[in-house]
Amino acid sequence: MDESKVVAIRVEMPDELRNQFKSAVAREGKNMKDVLLTFIKEYVANRESSKDKGAA
């Protein structure tokens, strides 16, 4: 990670959903942290590009 400061977040969810997510990413040879970070980065980028398009 290239960020100068790393923080933790806590997400509460049903145990079964967590187990399903953990299994799904493991089948892909990934880990939950990396998949969540990818999702968050893509989510933010999509919102930023939508915001930019709206301002044009």
C-alpha atoms as a PDB file:
ATOM      1  CA  MET A   1       0.000   0.000   0.000  1.00  0.00           C
ATOM      2  CA  ASP A   2       1.247   3.437  -0.843  1.00  0.00           C
ATOM      3  CA  GLU A   3      -0.842   5.345   1.685  1.00  0.00           C
ATOM      4  CA  SER A   4       1.165   7.008   4.422  1.00  0.00           C
ATOM      5  CA  LYS A   5      -1.389   6.118   7.095  1.00  0.00           C
ATOM      6  CA  VAL A   6      -3.404   2.926   7.302  1.00  0.00           C
ATOM      7  CA  VAL A   7      -6.604   2.735   9.333  1.00  0.00           C
ATOM      8  CA  ALA A   8      -8.936  -0.123  10.176  1.00  0.00           C
ATOM      9  CA  ILE A   9     -12.673  -0.254   9.630  1.00  0.00           C
ATOM     10  CA  ARG A  10     -15.161  -2.625  11.201  1.00  0.00           C
ATOM     11  CA  VAL A  11     -18.062  -4.066   9.255  1.00  0.00           C
ATOM     12  CA  GLU A  12     -20.802  -5.966  11.001  1.00  0.00           C
ATOM     13  CA  MET A  13     -22.647  -8.560   8.940  1.00  0.00           C
ATOM     14  CA  PRO A  14     -24.361 -11.887   9.405  1.00  0.00           C
ATOM     15  CA  ASP A  15     -21.937 -14.709  10.153  1.00  0.00           C
ATOM     16  CA  GLU A  16     -23.230 -16.741   7.198  1.00  0.00           C
ATOM     17  CA  LEU A  17     -22.579 -13.878   4.755  1.00  0.00           C
ATOM     18  CA  ARG A  18     -19.024 -13.508   6.079  1.00  0.00           C
ATOM     19  CA  ASN A  19     -18.428 -17.237   5.669  1.00  0.00           C
ATOM     20  CA  GLN A  20     -19.798 -17.178   2.121  1.00  0.00           C
ATOM     21  CA  PHE A  21     -17.616 -14.185   1.223  1.00  0.00           C
ATOM     22  CA  LYS A  22     -14.517 -15.770   2.761  1.00  0.00           C
ATOM     23  CA  SER A  23     -15.139 -19.002   0.839  1.00  0.00           C
ATOM     24  CA  ALA A  24     -15.801 -17.190  -2.439  1.00  0.00           C
ATOM     25  CA  VAL A  25     -12.583 -15.172  -2.329  1.00  0.00           C
ATOM     26  CA  ALA A  26     -10.561 -18.195  -1.182  1.00  0.00           C
ATOM     27  CA  ARG A  27     -11.806 -20.170  -4.216  1.00  0.00           C
ATOM     28  CA  GLU A  28     -10.350 -17.390  -6.356  1.00  0.00           C
ATOM     29  CA  GLY A  29      -7.036 -17.510  -4.484  1.00  0.00           C
ATOM     30  CA  LYS A  30      -7.645 -14.079  -2.970  1.00  0.00           C
ATOM     31  CA  ASN A  31      -8.246 -12.722   0.501  1.00  0.00           C
ATOM     32  CA  MET A  32     -11.087 -10.648   1.892  1.00  0.00           C
ATOM     33  CA  LYS A  33      -8.970  -7.554   2.514  1.00  0.00           C
ATOM     34  CA  ASP A  34      -7.689  -7.329  -1.052  1.00  0.00           C
ATOM     35  CA  VAL A  35     -11.148  -7.899  -2.551  1.00  0.00           C
ATOM     36  CA  LEU A  36     -12.709  -5.266  -0.295  1.00  0.00           C
ATOM     37  CA  LEU A  37      -9.963  -2.733  -1.047  1.00  0.00           C
ATOM     38  CA  THR A  38     -10.446  -3.310  -4.782  1.00  0.00           C
ATOM     39  CA  PHE A  39     -14.202  -2.849  -4.426  1.00  0.00           C
ATOM     40  CA  ILE A  40     -13.817   0.346  -2.390  1.00  0.00           C
ATOM     41  CA  LYS A  41     -11.291   1.844  -4.837  1.00  0.00           C
ATOM     42  CA  GLU A  42     -13.533   1.029  -7.816  1.00  0.00           C
ATOM     43  CA  TYR A  43     -16.597   2.394  -6.014  1.00  0.00           C
ATOM     44  CA  VAL A  44     -14.849   5.688  -5.239  1.00  0.00           C
ATOM     45  CA  ALA A  45     -13.442   5.981  -8.773  1.00  0.00           C
ATOM     46  CA  ASN A  46     -16.886   5.371 -10.294  1.00  0.00           C
ATOM     47  CA  ARG A  47     -18.451   8.022  -8.070  1.00  0.00           C
ATOM     48  CA  GLU A  48     -15.695  10.494  -8.903  1.00  0.00           C
ATOM     49  CA  SER A  49     -16.111   9.927 -12.646  1.00  0.00           C
ATOM     50  CA  SER A  50     -19.894  10.271 -12.311  1.00  0.00           C
ATOM     51  CA  LYS A  51     -19.406  13.512 -10.412  1.00  0.00           C
ATOM     52  CA  ASP A  52     -17.042  14.821 -13.102  1.00  0.00           C
ATOM     53  CA  LYS A  53     -19.526  13.957 -15.863  1.00  0.00           C
ATOM     54  CA  GLY A  54     -22.305  15.750 -14.012  1.00  0.00           C
ATOM     55  CA  ALA A  55     -20.234  18.915 -13.740  1.00  0.00           C
ATOM     56  CA  ALA A  56     -19.529  19.060 -17.481  1.00  0.00           C
END
